Every structure is written in structure tokens, then in C-alpha cells.
Amino acid sequence: MDITFLQYILGSVLCTECIAGGMINLIIVAANIVKWRTMKFLNTVDEILSSLAISRSLCLFNGFLHYFLYLLGLWDVGNPWAKSSVSVITMFLYSTNLWFATVLCVFYCVKITNYSWKFFIFLKTKISTLVPWFLLASLLISISSSLPFGLSNHEMQIQNLTNVSMENLTLSGAQKRMRSSGSGFRNPNLKSHFNAVKSMSLFLVLQTMYLVITVHFLRTIEANKIAFWIYSILTYSPPAIHSLYIILSNSELKKTCISIFSILIFCAQE
């Protein structure tokens, strides 16, 4: 098979993945907007999900724009300042969605486990008021970690690797403490707890996959175009897959999404 033709196929798969993932996350945002208009407020977890979905949709649509123009041969950023700006924006969006997802996992850990530590008790009682500060801290961390790495794509991948490694260590440690806790879950609502644990586990698996892929492809993506496209497809798949699981595991989100699709289908038929 011709290498150029294969690149177009892989590029088309990547662009489709970014569009589909962006739409999935916009559905989460729309569902929470509908919920907010109905109830006049949002739960803490919905605030985190909305922030995460907005971040992921921007990240995926940014990826679509970048790779679509690259696929058409229109992505030629000759100005080094413009190239650095694009790298910083891409790094910021990807890092933000990673940290927002980490905040979601921390919220799950605090809510569904029961420890006797004073700090943990304090955190559990104050988590709803602390979440906005966690999200703000995530933005600041993402900005500070993105600005110094606009010099080259290689350095950007190194920084992504560092962020994912730190988050994987944090989440794996939290899950180990949850499994070793003698008190277990704090209330009998096991289904939602298991869904939360599954969501955290899926996020950890996907980010571990990204870590392994980055280590494997880091030295080849610059010279090998096929490796570049495969790496890009695998890089943008975790946000889409994890958000899709969030919808499928949340009955309220699922019902709202079905309603939105029904309205869209009805409008399309008119």
C-alpha cells in the first residue's frame, strides 16, 4: 500500500476520532446545561464533569484543526513565535484535561471511601467548596507547565510524559489505599461507587497506555510519518473513550443524551 495513501487513511481516522470525541464531550456539557436550567444549580460532580468536558472538547477540536490542516498540507507555521504559541496552546489544553480528570478521580476517592484520618475527614466535609480551587489550581499548573515548553514538539511530549507519570502515581496510590481500607465504602449505594471505581480504573489504564505509547514512539515520530499518525490516534483516544464511558455509566446523562438526540433527529426531519 502506498505510504501517502496510508497516511491519508490514518489522518482521516484521527480527524473523525477528534470530531466524535469533541461531540461526546459537548453532549455532556449540553446535558449539564439542561440540568442546570431545570434545577437552577449543579452538583459538585457535575461542575467537574462540565469543566472536564469543555476542556476535552477544546483539546479534541484543536487536535482536529491541527491535523486536518496538516493533512491538507496547509499547516506550515514558519514563524517560530506562532509555532511556539501553537505548541503552548496544545500542551495547555491536553494538560488541563488531564488535571481536571485527576480532580474528578480525587473527588470520587474522597466521596466513596471512609478513613478516620483527621485530614481526610476535613477533606470530605469541605470537598465541595475546595473543588473550584482544585480546578483553578489545575489551570495554573497547566499554564505554568505549558509556557516553558513551546520550543519544540519533542520537549512538549517530554512534558506530557512527566504530567501523565505524576498523575498515574497519584491515582494508583489512591486506588491502593482504597483497596486496603478496612472500612470500605461509606454507604450502600454500591452501583454508583463501582461505576466511580471503574471510571477511575479506566482513566488510569488509558493514561498508562498513553505513557507506554509515548515512551515507545518518542524517538520515531519525527522521522516516521506512519508512527506519527498512529501515535496521534492513540494520544487522542483516551479523552473520547473515558467521556463515552462517563455517559454510559451515568443514567441521568444517558437519558439527557437520548433526549438531545431525539430532538436533533426531529429537527433534522423537519
C-alpha atoms as a PDB file:
ATOM      1  CA  MET A   1       0.000   0.000   0.000  1.00  0.00           C
ATOM      2  CA  ASP A   2       1.239   3.485  -0.880  1.00  0.00           C
ATOM      3  CA  ILE A   3       2.625   5.276   2.184  1.00  0.00           C
ATOM      4  CA  THR A   4       0.936   8.571   1.274  1.00  0.00           C
ATOM      5  CA  PHE A   5      -2.452   6.857   0.880  1.00  0.00           C
ATOM      6  CA  LEU A   6      -1.994   5.128   4.246  1.00  0.00           C
ATOM      7  CA  GLN A   7      -1.183   8.482   5.834  1.00  0.00           C
ATOM      8  CA  TYR A   8      -4.442   9.903   4.465  1.00  0.00           C
ATOM      9  CA  ILE A   9      -6.375   6.956   5.887  1.00  0.00           C
ATOM     10  CA  LEU A  10      -4.781   7.316   9.321  1.00  0.00           C
ATOM     11  CA  GLY A  11      -5.239  11.091   9.191  1.00  0.00           C
ATOM     12  CA  SER A  12      -8.924  10.653   8.350  1.00  0.00           C
ATOM     13  CA  VAL A  13      -9.330   8.235  11.251  1.00  0.00           C
ATOM     14  CA  LEU A  14      -7.677  10.751  13.583  1.00  0.00           C
ATOM     15  CA  CYS A  15      -9.859  13.662  12.416  1.00  0.00           C
ATOM     16  CA  THR A  16     -13.008  11.538  12.762  1.00  0.00           C
ATOM     17  CA  GLU A  17     -11.916  10.477  16.243  1.00  0.00           C
ATOM     18  CA  CYS A  18     -11.356  14.101  17.299  1.00  0.00           C
ATOM     19  CA  ILE A  19     -14.739  15.234  15.945  1.00  0.00           C
ATOM     20  CA  ALA A  20     -16.578  12.293  17.552  1.00  0.00           C
ATOM     21  CA  GLY A  21     -14.786  12.787  20.873  1.00  0.00           C
ATOM     22  CA  GLY A  22     -15.484  16.517  20.819  1.00  0.00           C
ATOM     23  CA  MET A  23     -19.192  15.893  20.161  1.00  0.00           C
ATOM     24  CA  ILE A  24     -19.347  13.346  23.001  1.00  0.00           C
ATOM     25  CA  ASN A  25     -17.958  15.921  25.411  1.00  0.00           C
ATOM     26  CA  LEU A  26     -20.258  18.655  24.106  1.00  0.00           C
ATOM     27  CA  ILE A  27     -23.176  16.314  24.835  1.00  0.00           C
ATOM     28  CA  ILE A  28     -22.025  16.142  28.468  1.00  0.00           C
ATOM     29  CA  VAL A  29     -21.878  19.948  28.576  1.00  0.00           C
ATOM     30  CA  ALA A  30     -25.333  20.247  26.985  1.00  0.00           C
ATOM     31  CA  ALA A  31     -26.783  17.683  29.396  1.00  0.00           C
ATOM     32  CA  ASN A  32     -25.469  19.610  32.390  1.00  0.00           C
ATOM     33  CA  ILE A  33     -26.759  22.907  30.956  1.00  0.00           C
ATOM     34  CA  VAL A  34     -30.223  21.342  30.659  1.00  0.00           C
ATOM     35  CA  LYS A  35     -29.913  20.059  34.215  1.00  0.00           C
ATOM     36  CA  TRP A  36     -28.830  23.478  35.471  1.00  0.00           C
ATOM     37  CA  ARG A  37     -31.738  25.218  33.718  1.00  0.00           C
ATOM     38  CA  THR A  38     -34.151  22.744  35.303  1.00  0.00           C
ATOM     39  CA  MET A  39     -32.751  22.592  38.834  1.00  0.00           C
ATOM     40  CA  LYS A  40     -31.088  26.054  38.939  1.00  0.00           C
ATOM     41  CA  PHE A  41     -27.895  24.516  40.372  1.00  0.00           C
ATOM     42  CA  LEU A  42     -25.329  21.817  39.650  1.00  0.00           C
ATOM     43  CA  ASN A  43     -23.866  19.220  41.972  1.00  0.00           C
ATOM     44  CA  THR A  44     -20.130  19.334  42.560  1.00  0.00           C
ATOM     45  CA  VAL A  45     -19.519  16.279  40.399  1.00  0.00           C
ATOM     46  CA  ASP A  46     -21.499  17.883  37.553  1.00  0.00           C
ATOM     47  CA  GLU A  47     -19.367  21.021  37.835  1.00  0.00           C
ATOM     48  CA  ILE A  48     -16.236  18.890  37.498  1.00  0.00           C
ATOM     49  CA  LEU A  49     -17.715  16.919  34.597  1.00  0.00           C
ATOM     50  CA  SER A  50     -18.702  20.133  32.805  1.00  0.00           C
ATOM     51  CA  SER A  51     -15.220  21.618  33.244  1.00  0.00           C
ATOM     52  CA  LEU A  52     -13.632  18.367  32.097  1.00  0.00           C
ATOM     53  CA  ALA A  53     -15.937  18.060  29.084  1.00  0.00           C
ATOM     54  CA  ILE A  54     -15.293  21.664  27.987  1.00  0.00           C
ATOM     55  CA  SER A  55     -11.545  21.133  28.325  1.00  0.00           C
ATOM     56  CA  ARG A  56     -11.653  17.865  26.396  1.00  0.00           C
ATOM     57  CA  SER A  57     -13.850  19.234  23.614  1.00  0.00           C
ATOM     58  CA  LEU A  58     -11.473  22.179  23.125  1.00  0.00           C
ATOM     59  CA  CYS A  59      -8.495  19.809  23.176  1.00  0.00           C
ATOM     60  CA  LEU A  60     -10.060  17.464  20.616  1.00  0.00           C
ATOM     61  CA  PHE A  61     -11.281  20.223  18.290  1.00  0.00           C
ATOM     62  CA  ASN A  62      -7.842  21.834  18.490  1.00  0.00           C
ATOM     63  CA  GLY A  63      -6.371  18.476  17.519  1.00  0.00           C
ATOM     64  CA  PHE A  64      -8.840  18.160  14.630  1.00  0.00           C
ATOM     65  CA  LEU A  65      -7.982  21.624  13.287  1.00  0.00           C
ATOM     66  CA  HIS A  66      -4.255  20.998  13.601  1.00  0.00           C
ATOM     67  CA  TYR A  67      -4.219  17.580  11.923  1.00  0.00           C
ATOM     68  CA  PHE A  68      -6.862  18.409   9.311  1.00  0.00           C
ATOM     69  CA  LEU A  69      -4.803  21.353   8.068  1.00  0.00           C
ATOM     70  CA  TYR A  70      -1.653  19.229   8.312  1.00  0.00           C
ATOM     71  CA  LEU A  71      -3.330  16.501   6.254  1.00  0.00           C
ATOM     72  CA  LEU A  72      -4.226  19.019   3.544  1.00  0.00           C
ATOM     73  CA  GLY A  73      -0.698  20.409   3.531  1.00  0.00           C
ATOM     74  CA  LEU A  74      -1.872  23.803   4.814  1.00  0.00           C
ATOM     75  CA  TRP A  75      -0.193  23.588   8.212  1.00  0.00           C
ATOM     76  CA  ASP A  76       3.083  25.386   7.639  1.00  0.00           C
ATOM     77  CA  VAL A  77       3.875  27.590  10.617  1.00  0.00           C
ATOM     78  CA  GLY A  78       7.082  29.299   9.548  1.00  0.00           C
ATOM     79  CA  ASN A  79       7.067  31.947  12.252  1.00  0.00           C
ATOM     80  CA  PRO A  80       8.836  30.491  15.326  1.00  0.00           C
ATOM     81  CA  TRP A  81       6.668  32.574  17.669  1.00  0.00           C
ATOM     82  CA  ALA A  82       3.499  31.256  16.039  1.00  0.00           C
ATOM     83  CA  LYS A  83       4.842  27.704  16.226  1.00  0.00           C
ATOM     84  CA  SER A  84       5.653  28.140  19.912  1.00  0.00           C
ATOM     85  CA  SER A  85       2.185  29.580  20.569  1.00  0.00           C
ATOM     86  CA  VAL A  86       0.507  26.603  18.895  1.00  0.00           C
ATOM     87  CA  SER A  87       2.634  24.194  20.926  1.00  0.00           C
ATOM     88  CA  VAL A  88       1.829  26.005  24.185  1.00  0.00           C
ATOM     89  CA  ILE A  89      -1.927  26.049  23.452  1.00  0.00           C
ATOM     90  CA  THR A  90      -1.948  22.352  22.540  1.00  0.00           C
ATOM     91  CA  MET A  91       0.064  21.464  25.618  1.00  0.00           C
ATOM     92  CA  PHE A  92      -2.160  23.622  27.854  1.00  0.00           C
ATOM     93  CA  LEU A  93      -5.398  22.043  26.600  1.00  0.00           C
ATOM     94  CA  TYR A  94      -4.104  18.483  26.921  1.00  0.00           C
ATOM     95  CA  SER A  95      -2.598  19.115  30.357  1.00  0.00           C
ATOM     96  CA  THR A  96      -5.794  20.806  31.572  1.00  0.00           C
ATOM     97  CA  ASN A  97      -7.983  17.855  30.643  1.00  0.00           C
ATOM     98  CA  LEU A  98      -5.571  15.512  32.429  1.00  0.00           C
ATOM     99  CA  TRP A  99      -5.644  17.550  35.638  1.00  0.00           C
ATOM    100  CA  PHE A 100      -9.427  18.051  35.539  1.00  0.00           C
ATOM    101  CA  ALA A 101      -9.825  14.283  35.178  1.00  0.00           C
ATOM    102  CA  THR A 102      -7.498  13.864  38.157  1.00  0.00           C
ATOM    103  CA  VAL A 103      -9.704  16.238  40.191  1.00  0.00           C
ATOM    104  CA  LEU A 104     -12.698  14.078  39.246  1.00  0.00           C
ATOM    105  CA  CYS A 105     -10.894  10.946  40.433  1.00  0.00           C
ATOM    106  CA  VAL A 106      -9.853  12.639  43.688  1.00  0.00           C
ATOM    107  CA  PHE A 107     -13.476  13.685  44.254  1.00  0.00           C
ATOM    108  CA  TYR A 108     -14.608  10.083  43.716  1.00  0.00           C
ATOM    109  CA  CYS A 109     -11.942   8.794  46.125  1.00  0.00           C
ATOM    110  CA  VAL A 110     -12.994  11.231  48.843  1.00  0.00           C
ATOM    111  CA  LYS A 111     -16.718  10.602  48.439  1.00  0.00           C
ATOM    112  CA  ILE A 112     -16.834   6.812  48.273  1.00  0.00           C
ATOM    113  CA  THR A 113     -14.260   5.871  50.918  1.00  0.00           C
ATOM    114  CA  ASN A 114     -14.242   6.348  54.669  1.00  0.00           C
ATOM    115  CA  TYR A 115     -10.995   6.886  56.572  1.00  0.00           C
ATOM    116  CA  SER A 116     -10.521   8.009  60.164  1.00  0.00           C
ATOM    117  CA  TRP A 117      -7.654  10.390  59.386  1.00  0.00           C
ATOM    118  CA  LYS A 118      -8.384  13.949  60.551  1.00  0.00           C
ATOM    119  CA  PHE A 119      -7.193  15.446  57.291  1.00  0.00           C
ATOM    120  CA  PHE A 120      -9.344  13.046  55.275  1.00  0.00           C
ATOM    121  CA  ILE A 121     -12.404  13.859  57.407  1.00  0.00           C
ATOM    122  CA  PHE A 122     -11.730  17.559  56.875  1.00  0.00           C
ATOM    123  CA  LEU A 123     -11.312  16.986  53.142  1.00  0.00           C
ATOM    124  CA  LYS A 124     -14.556  15.015  52.951  1.00  0.00           C
ATOM    125  CA  THR A 125     -16.581  17.737  54.668  1.00  0.00           C
ATOM    126  CA  LYS A 126     -15.005  20.549  52.638  1.00  0.00           C
ATOM    127  CA  ILE A 127     -14.564  18.857  49.253  1.00  0.00           C
ATOM    128  CA  SER A 128     -17.494  20.678  47.625  1.00  0.00           C
ATOM    129  CA  THR A 129     -16.049  24.087  48.495  1.00  0.00           C
ATOM    130  CA  LEU A 130     -12.498  23.012  47.630  1.00  0.00           C
ATOM    131  CA  VAL A 131     -13.296  21.710  44.139  1.00  0.00           C
ATOM    132  CA  PRO A 132     -13.370  25.186  42.481  1.00  0.00           C
ATOM    133  CA  TRP A 133      -9.945  25.857  43.992  1.00  0.00           C
ATOM    134  CA  PHE A 134      -8.692  22.479  42.736  1.00  0.00           C
ATOM    135  CA  LEU A 135      -9.903  23.364  39.241  1.00  0.00           C
ATOM    136  CA  LEU A 136      -8.244  26.779  39.439  1.00  0.00           C
ATOM    137  CA  ALA A 137      -5.017  25.164  40.653  1.00  0.00           C
ATOM    138  CA  SER A 138      -5.229  22.736  37.722  1.00  0.00           C
ATOM    139  CA  LEU A 139      -5.444  25.663  35.306  1.00  0.00           C
ATOM    140  CA  LEU A 140      -2.479  27.400  36.922  1.00  0.00           C
ATOM    141  CA  ILE A 141      -0.397  24.199  36.893  1.00  0.00           C
ATOM    142  CA  SER A 142      -1.278  23.627  33.239  1.00  0.00           C
ATOM    143  CA  ILE A 143      -0.315  27.180  32.308  1.00  0.00           C
ATOM    144  CA  SER A 144       2.955  27.081  34.233  1.00  0.00           C
ATOM    145  CA  SER A 145       3.916  23.696  32.792  1.00  0.00           C
ATOM    146  CA  SER A 146       2.996  24.667  29.223  1.00  0.00           C
ATOM    147  CA  LEU A 147       4.708  28.035  28.851  1.00  0.00           C
ATOM    148  CA  PRO A 148       8.332  26.800  29.093  1.00  0.00           C
ATOM    149  CA  PHE A 149       7.748  24.035  26.551  1.00  0.00           C
ATOM    150  CA  GLY A 150       6.790  25.895  23.395  1.00  0.00           C
ATOM    151  CA  LEU A 151      10.207  25.462  21.820  1.00  0.00           C
ATOM    152  CA  SER A 152       9.710  22.095  20.147  1.00  0.00           C
ATOM    153  CA  ASN A 153       7.263  19.221  19.845  1.00  0.00           C
ATOM    154  CA  HIS A 154       9.834  16.881  21.338  1.00  0.00           C
ATOM    155  CA  GLU A 155      10.004  18.910  24.533  1.00  0.00           C
ATOM    156  CA  MET A 156       6.206  19.068  24.577  1.00  0.00           C
ATOM    157  CA  GLN A 157       5.999  15.262  24.502  1.00  0.00           C
ATOM    158  CA  ILE A 158       8.503  15.077  27.376  1.00  0.00           C
ATOM    159  CA  GLN A 159       6.348  17.424  29.442  1.00  0.00           C
ATOM    160  CA  ASN A 160       3.204  15.419  28.625  1.00  0.00           C
ATOM    161  CA  LEU A 161       5.074  12.319  29.736  1.00  0.00           C
ATOM    162  CA  THR A 162       6.002  13.975  33.043  1.00  0.00           C
ATOM    163  CA  ASN A 163       2.421  15.106  33.730  1.00  0.00           C
ATOM    164  CA  VAL A 164       0.950  11.693  32.990  1.00  0.00           C
ATOM    165  CA  SER A 165       3.577   9.945  35.129  1.00  0.00           C
ATOM    166  CA  MET A 166       2.795  12.177  38.117  1.00  0.00           C
ATOM    167  CA  GLU A 167      -0.958  11.678  37.735  1.00  0.00           C
ATOM    168  CA  ASN A 168      -0.628   7.913  37.311  1.00  0.00           C
ATOM    169  CA  LEU A 169       1.402   7.690  40.525  1.00  0.00           C
ATOM    170  CA  THR A 170      -1.205   9.774  42.374  1.00  0.00           C
ATOM    171  CA  LEU A 171      -4.178   7.764  41.131  1.00  0.00           C
ATOM    172  CA  SER A 172      -2.571   4.350  41.570  1.00  0.00           C
ATOM    173  CA  GLY A 173      -1.648   5.274  45.145  1.00  0.00           C
ATOM    174  CA  ALA A 174      -5.199   6.411  45.850  1.00  0.00           C
ATOM    175  CA  GLN A 175      -6.662   3.196  44.453  1.00  0.00           C
ATOM    176  CA  LYS A 176      -4.285   1.080  46.538  1.00  0.00           C
ATOM    177  CA  ARG A 177      -5.356   2.945  49.685  1.00  0.00           C
ATOM    178  CA  MET A 178      -8.997   2.409  48.760  1.00  0.00           C
ATOM    179  CA  ARG A 179      -8.483  -1.337  48.345  1.00  0.00           C
ATOM    180  CA  SER A 180      -6.564  -1.593  51.612  1.00  0.00           C
ATOM    181  CA  SER A 181      -9.125   0.399  53.600  1.00  0.00           C
ATOM    182  CA  GLY A 182     -10.830  -1.772  56.160  1.00  0.00           C
ATOM    183  CA  SER A 183     -13.895   0.448  56.306  1.00  0.00           C
ATOM    184  CA  GLY A 184     -14.685   0.090  52.618  1.00  0.00           C
ATOM    185  CA  PHE A 185     -17.431   2.139  51.011  1.00  0.00           C
ATOM    186  CA  ARG A 186     -19.283   4.572  53.172  1.00  0.00           C
ATOM    187  CA  ASN A 187     -22.882   3.846  52.108  1.00  0.00           C
ATOM    188  CA  PRO A 188     -24.840   1.041  50.447  1.00  0.00           C
ATOM    189  CA  ASN A 189     -25.137   2.798  47.086  1.00  0.00           C
ATOM    190  CA  LEU A 190     -22.715   0.291  45.619  1.00  0.00           C
ATOM    191  CA  LYS A 191     -23.671   0.692  41.967  1.00  0.00           C
ATOM    192  CA  SER A 192     -22.610   4.344  41.785  1.00  0.00           C
ATOM    193  CA  HIS A 193     -19.483   3.520  43.791  1.00  0.00           C
ATOM    194  CA  PHE A 194     -18.499   0.697  41.470  1.00  0.00           C
ATOM    195  CA  ASN A 195     -19.107   2.960  38.467  1.00  0.00           C
ATOM    196  CA  ALA A 196     -16.826   5.566  40.041  1.00  0.00           C
ATOM    197  CA  VAL A 197     -14.109   2.972  40.670  1.00  0.00           C
ATOM    198  CA  LYS A 198     -14.482   1.682  37.099  1.00  0.00           C
ATOM    199  CA  SER A 199     -14.209   5.237  35.776  1.00  0.00           C
ATOM    200  CA  MET A 200     -11.007   5.832  37.757  1.00  0.00           C
ATOM    201  CA  SER A 201      -9.593   2.469  36.693  1.00  0.00           C
ATOM    202  CA  LEU A 202     -10.381   3.156  33.037  1.00  0.00           C
ATOM    203  CA  PHE A 203      -8.741   6.581  33.260  1.00  0.00           C
ATOM    204  CA  LEU A 204      -5.656   5.037  34.877  1.00  0.00           C
ATOM    205  CA  VAL A 205      -5.448   2.310  32.214  1.00  0.00           C
ATOM    206  CA  LEU A 206      -5.838   4.804  29.360  1.00  0.00           C
ATOM    207  CA  GLN A 207      -3.191   7.138  30.742  1.00  0.00           C
ATOM    208  CA  THR A 208      -0.831   4.229  31.393  1.00  0.00           C
ATOM    209  CA  MET A 209      -1.385   3.246  27.764  1.00  0.00           C
ATOM    210  CA  TYR A 210      -0.503   6.800  26.734  1.00  0.00           C
ATOM    211  CA  LEU A 211       2.640   6.643  28.890  1.00  0.00           C
ATOM    212  CA  VAL A 212       3.791   3.395  27.265  1.00  0.00           C
ATOM    213  CA  ILE A 213       2.968   4.652  23.764  1.00  0.00           C
ATOM    214  CA  THR A 214       4.865   7.900  24.310  1.00  0.00           C
ATOM    215  CA  VAL A 215       7.953   6.065  25.538  1.00  0.00           C
ATOM    216  CA  HIS A 216       7.752   3.697  22.556  1.00  0.00           C
ATOM    217  CA  PHE A 217       7.152   6.286  19.816  1.00  0.00           C
ATOM    218  CA  LEU A 218       9.074   9.262  21.209  1.00  0.00           C
ATOM    219  CA  ARG A 219      12.201   8.672  19.114  1.00  0.00           C
ATOM    220  CA  THR A 220      10.419   7.627  15.916  1.00  0.00           C
ATOM    221  CA  ILE A 221       7.531  10.061  15.408  1.00  0.00           C
ATOM    222  CA  GLU A 222       9.762  12.784  13.942  1.00  0.00           C
ATOM    223  CA  ALA A 223      11.226  10.553  11.221  1.00  0.00           C
ATOM    224  CA  ASN A 224       8.424   8.027  10.628  1.00  0.00           C
ATOM    225  CA  LYS A 225       5.171   9.565   9.363  1.00  0.00           C
ATOM    226  CA  ILE A 226       3.160   6.370   9.902  1.00  0.00           C
ATOM    227  CA  ALA A 227       4.344   6.190  13.515  1.00  0.00           C
ATOM    228  CA  PHE A 228       3.402   9.868  13.864  1.00  0.00           C
ATOM    229  CA  TRP A 229      -0.211   9.250  12.791  1.00  0.00           C
ATOM    230  CA  ILE A 230      -0.587   6.082  14.877  1.00  0.00           C
ATOM    231  CA  TYR A 231       0.803   7.877  17.909  1.00  0.00           C
ATOM    232  CA  SER A 232      -1.581  10.803  17.369  1.00  0.00           C
ATOM    233  CA  ILE A 233      -4.610   8.493  17.070  1.00  0.00           C
ATOM    234  CA  LEU A 234      -3.709   6.706  20.300  1.00  0.00           C
ATOM    235  CA  THR A 235      -2.955  10.017  22.041  1.00  0.00           C
ATOM    236  CA  TYR A 236      -6.403  11.493  21.374  1.00  0.00           C
ATOM    237  CA  SER A 237      -8.376   8.310  22.080  1.00  0.00           C
ATOM    238  CA  PRO A 238      -8.319   8.422  25.949  1.00  0.00           C
ATOM    239  CA  PRO A 239     -10.377  11.655  26.295  1.00  0.00           C
ATOM    240  CA  ALA A 240     -13.040  10.345  23.906  1.00  0.00           C
ATOM    241  CA  ILE A 241     -13.211   6.828  25.380  1.00  0.00           C
ATOM    242  CA  HIS A 242     -13.302   7.986  29.004  1.00  0.00           C
ATOM    243  CA  SER A 243     -16.020  10.583  28.313  1.00  0.00           C
ATOM    244  CA  LEU A 244     -18.088   7.987  26.448  1.00  0.00           C
ATOM    245  CA  TYR A 245     -17.850   5.687  29.469  1.00  0.00           C
ATOM    246  CA  ILE A 246     -18.917   8.546  31.768  1.00  0.00           C
ATOM    247  CA  ILE A 247     -22.090   8.968  29.683  1.00  0.00           C
ATOM    248  CA  LEU A 248     -22.860   5.247  29.504  1.00  0.00           C
ATOM    249  CA  SER A 249     -22.342   4.735  33.249  1.00  0.00           C
ATOM    250  CA  ASN A 250     -24.470   7.722  34.318  1.00  0.00           C
ATOM    251  CA  SER A 251     -28.215   7.133  33.976  1.00  0.00           C
ATOM    252  CA  GLU A 252     -29.079  10.853  34.112  1.00  0.00           C
ATOM    253  CA  LEU A 253     -26.529  11.747  31.455  1.00  0.00           C
ATOM    254  CA  LYS A 254     -27.670   8.824  29.331  1.00  0.00           C
ATOM    255  CA  LYS A 255     -31.343   9.892  29.486  1.00  0.00           C
ATOM    256  CA  THR A 256     -30.495  13.501  28.731  1.00  0.00           C
ATOM    257  CA  CYS A 257     -28.312  12.460  25.806  1.00  0.00           C
ATOM    258  CA  ILE A 258     -31.119  10.312  24.393  1.00  0.00           C
ATOM    259  CA  SER A 259     -33.463  13.295  24.681  1.00  0.00           C
ATOM    260  CA  ILE A 260     -30.950  15.548  22.905  1.00  0.00           C
ATOM    261  CA  PHE A 261     -30.524  13.012  20.094  1.00  0.00           C
ATOM    262  CA  SER A 262     -34.313  12.700  19.768  1.00  0.00           C
ATOM    263  CA  ILE A 263     -34.642  16.477  19.437  1.00  0.00           C
ATOM    264  CA  LEU A 264     -31.840  16.614  16.864  1.00  0.00           C
ATOM    265  CA  ILE A 265     -33.393  13.800  14.824  1.00  0.00           C
ATOM    266  CA  PHE A 266     -36.801  15.506  14.960  1.00  0.00           C
ATOM    267  CA  CYS A 267     -35.283  18.828  13.847  1.00  0.00           C
ATOM    268  CA  ALA A 268     -33.418  17.097  11.016  1.00  0.00           C
ATOM    269  CA  GLN A 269     -36.637  15.536   9.739  1.00  0.00           C
ATOM    270  CA  GLU A 270     -38.488  18.855   9.656  1.00  0.00           C
END
